[in-house]
């Protein structure tokens, strides 16, 4: 199960990074990879979790989140993928502070389940602006 949930984001996140509506994808494959590689187990992936921020996030994030055909919730490690407006959930009363620390209030976090990467890419393509 873990192998599948780490392979799917490794396939999906490069496509998301190249999408014109996406401003940033936060995933260990692209950020601090050397640090992650130093401690991960041989053959392990780069996690089943990733986050993204859209361009023009104040205007585009809520409609994207609503259109995205994924279950919504804060749990991690389920067999199905979940989307969560992480900063809003974790720091609702301190959004200005979170943004001062470099964490967008519009950040959306994903916990990937056992769906195929092509299925998830199609769902993201439907929901993304443009």
N, C-alpha and C. Protein backbone atom coordinates (compact mmCIF):
# COMPACT_ATOMS: atom_id res chain seq x y z
N UNK A 1 0.82 -1.19 0.00
CA UNK A 1 0.00 0.00 0.00
C UNK A 1 0.87 1.26 0.00
N UNK A 2 1.88 1.31 0.85
CA UNK A 2 2.74 2.50 0.92
C UNK A 2 3.48 2.72 -0.39
N UNK A 3 3.91 1.65 -1.03
CA UNK A 3 4.61 1.80 -2.30
C UNK A 3 3.71 2.49 -3.33
N UNK A 4 2.45 2.08 -3.40
CA UNK A 4 1.50 2.69 -4.33
C UNK A 4 1.24 4.15 -3.97
N UNK A 5 1.05 4.45 -2.69
CA UNK A 5 0.72 5.82 -2.29
C UNK A 5 1.91 6.77 -2.41
N UNK A 6 3.11 6.23 -2.57
CA UNK A 6 4.26 7.11 -2.82
C UNK A 6 4.61 7.20 -4.30
N UNK A 7 4.26 6.19 -5.08
CA UNK A 7 4.52 6.23 -6.53
C UNK A 7 3.59 7.21 -7.24
N UNK A 8 2.34 7.26 -6.80
CA UNK A 8 1.36 8.11 -7.48
C UNK A 8 1.73 9.59 -7.42
N UNK A 9 2.05 10.16 -6.25
CA UNK A 9 2.45 11.57 -6.24
C UNK A 9 3.72 11.83 -7.06
N UNK A 10 4.64 10.87 -7.09
CA UNK A 10 5.86 11.05 -7.89
C UNK A 10 5.53 11.17 -9.37
N UNK A 11 4.42 10.55 -9.80
CA UNK A 11 3.98 10.67 -11.20
C UNK A 11 3.11 11.90 -11.41
N UNK A 12 2.30 12.25 -10.43
CA UNK A 12 1.33 13.34 -10.57
C UNK A 12 1.95 14.73 -10.37
N UNK A 13 2.85 14.87 -9.43
CA UNK A 13 3.36 16.21 -9.09
C UNK A 13 4.18 16.88 -10.20
N UNK A 14 4.96 16.17 -11.02
CA UNK A 14 5.63 16.88 -12.13
C UNK A 14 4.61 17.49 -13.10
N UNK A 15 3.53 16.79 -13.37
CA UNK A 15 2.48 17.32 -14.24
C UNK A 15 1.85 18.57 -13.60
N UNK A 16 1.58 18.51 -12.30
CA UNK A 16 1.01 19.67 -11.61
C UNK A 16 1.96 20.87 -11.66
N UNK A 17 3.24 20.64 -11.45
CA UNK A 17 4.23 21.73 -11.48
C UNK A 17 4.25 22.42 -12.83
N UNK A 18 3.99 21.68 -13.89
CA UNK A 18 4.03 22.25 -15.24
C UNK A 18 2.71 22.90 -15.64
N UNK A 19 1.66 22.69 -14.86
CA UNK A 19 0.35 23.24 -15.22
C UNK A 19 0.37 24.77 -15.06
N UNK A 20 -0.17 25.50 -16.03
CA UNK A 20 -0.12 26.96 -15.97
C UNK A 20 -0.90 27.59 -14.82
N UNK A 21 -1.82 26.88 -14.21
CA UNK A 21 -2.60 27.44 -13.10
C UNK A 21 -1.93 27.24 -11.74
N UNK A 22 -0.86 26.45 -11.69
CA UNK A 22 -0.22 26.09 -10.42
C UNK A 22 1.00 26.98 -10.18
N UNK A 23 1.02 27.64 -9.04
CA UNK A 23 2.15 28.49 -8.67
C UNK A 23 3.28 27.69 -8.03
N UNK A 24 2.93 26.73 -7.17
CA UNK A 24 3.94 25.98 -6.42
C UNK A 24 3.41 24.62 -6.02
N UNK A 25 4.28 23.62 -6.10
CA UNK A 25 3.99 22.28 -5.58
C UNK A 25 5.05 21.98 -4.53
N UNK A 26 4.60 21.64 -3.35
CA UNK A 26 5.50 21.29 -2.25
C UNK A 26 5.51 19.77 -2.10
N UNK A 27 6.65 19.18 -2.46
CA UNK A 27 6.81 17.73 -2.43
C UNK A 27 8.31 17.45 -2.31
N UNK A 28 8.74 16.48 -1.50
CA UNK A 28 10.17 16.26 -1.28
C UNK A 28 10.98 15.98 -2.54
N UNK A 29 10.35 15.49 -3.59
CA UNK A 29 11.06 15.24 -4.84
C UNK A 29 11.65 16.54 -5.40
N UNK A 30 11.03 17.68 -5.08
CA UNK A 30 11.45 18.97 -5.63
C UNK A 30 12.08 19.90 -4.61
N UNK A 31 11.92 19.64 -3.33
CA UNK A 31 12.40 20.55 -2.30
C UNK A 31 13.21 19.74 -1.28
N UNK A 32 14.43 20.15 -1.06
CA UNK A 32 15.29 19.50 -0.06
C UNK A 32 15.43 18.00 -0.29
N UNK A 33 15.47 17.59 -1.54
CA UNK A 33 15.54 16.17 -1.87
C UNK A 33 16.76 15.48 -1.26
N UNK A 34 17.89 16.15 -1.28
CA UNK A 34 19.11 15.55 -0.73
C UNK A 34 18.95 15.22 0.75
N UNK A 35 18.30 16.10 1.50
CA UNK A 35 18.06 15.82 2.91
C UNK A 35 17.13 14.62 3.07
N UNK A 36 16.10 14.56 2.27
CA UNK A 36 15.16 13.45 2.34
C UNK A 36 15.85 12.15 1.96
N UNK A 37 16.64 12.17 0.86
CA UNK A 37 17.34 10.97 0.41
C UNK A 37 18.30 10.44 1.46
N UNK A 38 18.88 11.32 2.26
CA UNK A 38 19.84 10.89 3.28
C UNK A 38 19.19 10.03 4.37
N UNK A 39 17.88 10.14 4.55
CA UNK A 39 17.23 9.42 5.64
C UNK A 39 16.16 8.42 5.23
N UNK A 40 15.73 8.45 3.97
CA UNK A 40 14.67 7.52 3.58
C UNK A 40 15.23 6.11 3.41
N UNK A 41 14.36 5.16 3.57
CA UNK A 41 14.75 3.76 3.43
C UNK A 41 15.04 3.43 1.98
N UNK A 42 15.94 2.47 1.73
CA UNK A 42 16.21 2.07 0.35
C UNK A 42 14.92 1.62 -0.35
N UNK A 43 14.72 2.12 -1.54
CA UNK A 43 13.54 1.76 -2.32
C UNK A 43 12.27 2.52 -1.95
N UNK A 44 12.34 3.34 -0.91
CA UNK A 44 11.15 4.09 -0.47
C UNK A 44 10.89 5.25 -1.42
N UNK A 45 9.66 5.74 -1.39
CA UNK A 45 9.28 6.87 -2.21
C UNK A 45 9.41 8.17 -1.43
N UNK A 46 8.80 9.20 -1.99
CA UNK A 46 8.90 10.54 -1.40
C UNK A 46 7.62 10.98 -0.70
N UNK A 47 6.85 10.07 -0.19
CA UNK A 47 5.66 10.37 0.60
C UNK A 47 4.40 10.33 -0.24
N UNK A 48 3.31 10.10 0.43
CA UNK A 48 1.99 10.15 -0.20
C UNK A 48 1.34 11.49 -0.01
N UNK A 49 2.07 12.44 0.56
CA UNK A 49 1.54 13.78 0.83
C UNK A 49 2.22 14.81 -0.07
N UNK A 50 1.44 15.77 -0.53
CA UNK A 50 2.00 16.94 -1.18
C UNK A 50 1.01 18.09 -1.03
N UNK A 51 1.49 19.29 -1.25
CA UNK A 51 0.65 20.48 -1.17
C UNK A 51 0.88 21.32 -2.40
N UNK A 52 -0.11 22.17 -2.69
CA UNK A 52 0.07 23.11 -3.79
C UNK A 52 -0.60 24.43 -3.48
N UNK A 53 -0.14 25.45 -4.19
CA UNK A 53 -0.75 26.78 -4.17
C UNK A 53 -0.98 27.15 -5.63
N UNK A 54 -2.18 27.62 -5.92
CA UNK A 54 -2.52 28.04 -7.27
C UNK A 54 -2.11 29.48 -7.53
N UNK A 55 -1.96 29.83 -8.79
CA UNK A 55 -1.78 31.23 -9.16
C UNK A 55 -3.09 31.95 -8.89
N UNK A 56 -3.00 33.22 -8.56
CA UNK A 56 -4.18 34.03 -8.20
C UNK A 56 -5.01 33.27 -7.16
N UNK A 57 -4.31 32.78 -6.15
CA UNK A 57 -4.88 31.85 -5.17
C UNK A 57 -6.12 32.38 -4.45
N UNK A 58 -6.16 33.66 -4.16
CA UNK A 58 -7.32 34.21 -3.45
C UNK A 58 -8.61 34.01 -4.25
N UNK A 59 -8.49 34.05 -5.56
CA UNK A 59 -9.65 33.91 -6.42
C UNK A 59 -9.90 32.47 -6.87
N UNK A 60 -8.84 31.68 -7.05
CA UNK A 60 -8.98 30.36 -7.69
C UNK A 60 -9.02 29.17 -6.75
N UNK A 61 -8.53 29.31 -5.53
CA UNK A 61 -8.39 28.14 -4.65
C UNK A 61 -9.72 27.53 -4.22
N UNK A 62 -10.66 28.34 -3.76
CA UNK A 62 -11.94 27.79 -3.29
C UNK A 62 -12.71 27.11 -4.43
N UNK A 63 -12.83 27.72 -5.62
CA UNK A 63 -13.53 27.02 -6.70
C UNK A 63 -12.84 25.71 -7.11
N UNK A 64 -11.50 25.73 -7.15
CA UNK A 64 -10.76 24.50 -7.45
C UNK A 64 -11.06 23.42 -6.42
N UNK A 65 -10.96 23.78 -5.15
CA UNK A 65 -11.21 22.83 -4.07
C UNK A 65 -12.62 22.25 -4.16
N UNK A 66 -13.60 23.10 -4.43
CA UNK A 66 -14.99 22.64 -4.53
C UNK A 66 -15.21 21.72 -5.73
N UNK A 67 -14.55 22.01 -6.85
CA UNK A 67 -14.72 21.20 -8.07
C UNK A 67 -13.98 19.88 -8.02
N UNK A 68 -12.91 19.82 -7.25
CA UNK A 68 -12.05 18.64 -7.24
C UNK A 68 -12.80 17.42 -6.70
N UNK A 69 -12.88 16.39 -7.51
CA UNK A 69 -13.60 15.17 -7.12
C UNK A 69 -12.71 14.26 -6.27
N UNK A 70 -12.42 14.76 -5.07
CA UNK A 70 -11.74 13.98 -4.03
C UNK A 70 -12.52 14.18 -2.75
N UNK A 71 -12.41 13.21 -1.86
CA UNK A 71 -13.00 13.39 -0.54
C UNK A 71 -12.26 14.51 0.16
N UNK A 72 -12.96 15.23 1.00
CA UNK A 72 -12.36 16.35 1.72
C UNK A 72 -12.22 15.98 3.18
N UNK A 73 -11.06 16.26 3.76
CA UNK A 73 -10.87 15.98 5.17
C UNK A 73 -9.43 16.04 5.59
N UNK A 74 -9.17 16.11 6.88
CA UNK A 74 -7.82 16.28 7.40
C UNK A 74 -7.07 14.98 7.65
N UNK A 75 -7.71 13.84 7.52
CA UNK A 75 -7.05 12.58 7.85
C UNK A 75 -5.96 12.24 6.85
N UNK A 76 -5.01 11.44 7.29
CA UNK A 76 -3.91 11.01 6.45
C UNK A 76 -3.86 9.49 6.44
N UNK A 77 -3.40 8.92 5.33
CA UNK A 77 -3.15 7.50 5.29
C UNK A 77 -4.34 6.62 5.00
N UNK A 78 -5.42 7.17 4.46
CA UNK A 78 -6.55 6.34 4.08
C UNK A 78 -6.26 5.67 2.74
N UNK A 79 -7.11 4.74 2.32
CA UNK A 79 -6.92 4.07 1.04
C UNK A 79 -7.44 4.90 -0.12
N UNK A 80 -8.10 6.01 0.17
CA UNK A 80 -8.59 6.92 -0.87
C UNK A 80 -7.97 8.30 -0.63
N UNK A 81 -7.85 9.06 -1.69
CA UNK A 81 -7.20 10.37 -1.61
C UNK A 81 -8.09 11.40 -0.94
N UNK A 82 -7.44 12.31 -0.23
CA UNK A 82 -8.13 13.38 0.48
C UNK A 82 -7.50 14.73 0.14
N UNK A 83 -8.32 15.76 0.14
CA UNK A 83 -7.85 17.14 -0.03
C UNK A 83 -8.24 17.93 1.21
N UNK A 84 -7.37 18.85 1.61
CA UNK A 84 -7.60 19.61 2.84
C UNK A 84 -7.04 21.03 2.68
N UNK A 85 -7.81 22.06 3.00
CA UNK A 85 -7.26 23.42 3.01
C UNK A 85 -6.42 23.60 4.27
N UNK A 86 -5.21 23.08 4.25
CA UNK A 86 -4.44 22.85 5.45
C UNK A 86 -4.24 24.08 6.33
N UNK A 87 -3.83 25.18 5.73
CA UNK A 87 -3.55 26.36 6.56
C UNK A 87 -4.82 26.89 7.21
N UNK A 88 -5.91 26.89 6.47
CA UNK A 88 -7.19 27.33 7.05
C UNK A 88 -7.60 26.44 8.22
N UNK A 89 -7.37 25.16 8.08
CA UNK A 89 -7.74 24.22 9.13
C UNK A 89 -6.82 24.32 10.34
N UNK A 90 -5.53 24.36 10.09
CA UNK A 90 -4.56 24.32 11.19
C UNK A 90 -4.31 25.67 11.85
N UNK A 91 -4.51 26.76 11.10
CA UNK A 91 -4.13 28.08 11.62
C UNK A 91 -5.22 29.13 11.37
N UNK A 92 -6.46 28.74 11.47
CA UNK A 92 -7.57 29.62 11.12
C UNK A 92 -7.52 30.97 11.83
N UNK A 93 -7.15 30.98 13.09
CA UNK A 93 -7.13 32.24 13.85
C UNK A 93 -5.80 32.98 13.75
N UNK A 94 -4.86 32.43 12.99
CA UNK A 94 -3.54 33.05 12.87
C UNK A 94 -3.02 33.00 11.43
N UNK A 95 -3.89 33.28 10.47
CA UNK A 95 -3.52 33.20 9.06
C UNK A 95 -2.44 34.21 8.68
N UNK A 96 -2.51 35.41 9.23
CA UNK A 96 -1.48 36.41 8.93
C UNK A 96 -0.11 35.93 9.43
N UNK A 97 -0.08 35.34 10.61
CA UNK A 97 1.17 34.79 11.15
C UNK A 97 1.70 33.68 10.25
N UNK A 98 0.83 32.76 9.81
CA UNK A 98 1.26 31.67 8.94
C UNK A 98 1.85 32.22 7.65
N UNK A 99 1.20 33.21 7.07
CA UNK A 99 1.72 33.79 5.84
C UNK A 99 3.04 34.51 6.07
N UNK A 100 3.21 35.14 7.24
CA UNK A 100 4.48 35.78 7.56
C UNK A 100 5.61 34.74 7.66
N UNK A 101 5.24 33.50 7.96
CA UNK A 101 6.21 32.40 8.03
C UNK A 101 6.39 31.71 6.68
N UNK A 102 5.72 32.21 5.64
CA UNK A 102 5.88 31.65 4.30
C UNK A 102 4.87 30.58 3.93
N UNK A 103 3.80 30.42 4.70
CA UNK A 103 2.79 29.41 4.42
C UNK A 103 1.51 30.11 3.95
N UNK A 104 1.17 29.92 2.71
CA UNK A 104 -0.01 30.58 2.15
C UNK A 104 -1.29 30.13 2.83
N UNK A 105 -2.18 31.06 3.06
CA UNK A 105 -3.50 30.71 3.61
C UNK A 105 -4.30 29.90 2.60
N UNK A 106 -3.87 29.88 1.34
CA UNK A 106 -4.58 29.18 0.27
C UNK A 106 -3.96 27.82 -0.07
N UNK A 107 -3.00 27.39 0.73
CA UNK A 107 -2.35 26.10 0.51
C UNK A 107 -3.36 24.96 0.64
N UNK A 108 -3.31 24.04 -0.31
CA UNK A 108 -4.17 22.85 -0.26
C UNK A 108 -3.27 21.63 -0.17
N UNK A 109 -3.56 20.77 0.79
CA UNK A 109 -2.74 19.58 1.05
C UNK A 109 -3.50 18.34 0.57
N UNK A 110 -2.75 17.39 0.04
CA UNK A 110 -3.33 16.15 -0.48
C UNK A 110 -2.66 14.95 0.15
N UNK A 111 -3.47 14.01 0.56
CA UNK A 111 -3.02 12.71 1.03
C UNK A 111 -3.50 11.72 -0.02
N UNK A 112 -2.57 11.06 -0.70
CA UNK A 112 -2.91 10.21 -1.83
C UNK A 112 -3.18 8.78 -1.37
N UNK A 113 -4.24 8.22 -1.93
CA UNK A 113 -4.64 6.85 -1.63
C UNK A 113 -4.19 5.88 -2.70
N UNK A 114 -5.05 4.93 -3.02
CA UNK A 114 -4.69 3.86 -3.95
C UNK A 114 -5.20 4.05 -5.38
N UNK A 115 -5.76 5.22 -5.69
CA UNK A 115 -6.22 5.48 -7.04
C UNK A 115 -5.03 5.51 -8.02
N UNK A 116 -5.31 5.22 -9.28
CA UNK A 116 -4.27 5.31 -10.30
C UNK A 116 -3.90 6.77 -10.56
N UNK A 117 -2.66 7.00 -10.91
CA UNK A 117 -2.19 8.36 -11.17
C UNK A 117 -2.97 9.00 -12.32
N UNK A 118 -3.28 8.24 -13.37
CA UNK A 118 -4.02 8.79 -14.51
C UNK A 118 -5.42 9.24 -14.10
N UNK A 119 -6.05 8.49 -13.21
CA UNK A 119 -7.38 8.87 -12.71
C UNK A 119 -7.29 10.17 -11.92
N UNK A 120 -6.33 10.27 -11.05
CA UNK A 120 -6.18 11.49 -10.25
C UNK A 120 -5.82 12.68 -11.13
N UNK A 121 -4.95 12.47 -12.11
CA UNK A 121 -4.59 13.56 -13.01
C UNK A 121 -5.82 14.07 -13.75
N UNK A 122 -6.69 13.19 -14.17
CA UNK A 122 -7.93 13.60 -14.84
C UNK A 122 -8.81 14.42 -13.90
N UNK A 123 -8.89 14.01 -12.65
CA UNK A 123 -9.69 14.77 -11.67
C UNK A 123 -9.12 16.16 -11.45
N UNK A 124 -7.79 16.25 -11.32
CA UNK A 124 -7.15 17.54 -11.15
C UNK A 124 -7.35 18.41 -12.39
N UNK A 125 -7.22 17.82 -13.58
CA UNK A 125 -7.38 18.57 -14.83
C UNK A 125 -8.79 19.17 -14.92
N UNK A 126 -9.78 18.42 -14.50
CA UNK A 126 -11.17 18.92 -14.50
C UNK A 126 -11.34 20.14 -13.59
N UNK A 127 -10.66 20.11 -12.45
CA UNK A 127 -10.89 21.11 -11.42
C UNK A 127 -10.02 22.36 -11.55
N UNK A 128 -8.85 22.21 -12.16
CA UNK A 128 -7.92 23.34 -12.24
C UNK A 128 -8.45 24.45 -13.15
N UNK A 129 -8.18 25.70 -12.80
CA UNK A 129 -8.62 26.81 -13.64
C UNK A 129 -7.92 26.77 -15.01
N UNK A 130 -8.59 27.35 -15.99
CA UNK A 130 -8.00 27.50 -17.32
C UNK A 130 -8.19 26.30 -18.13
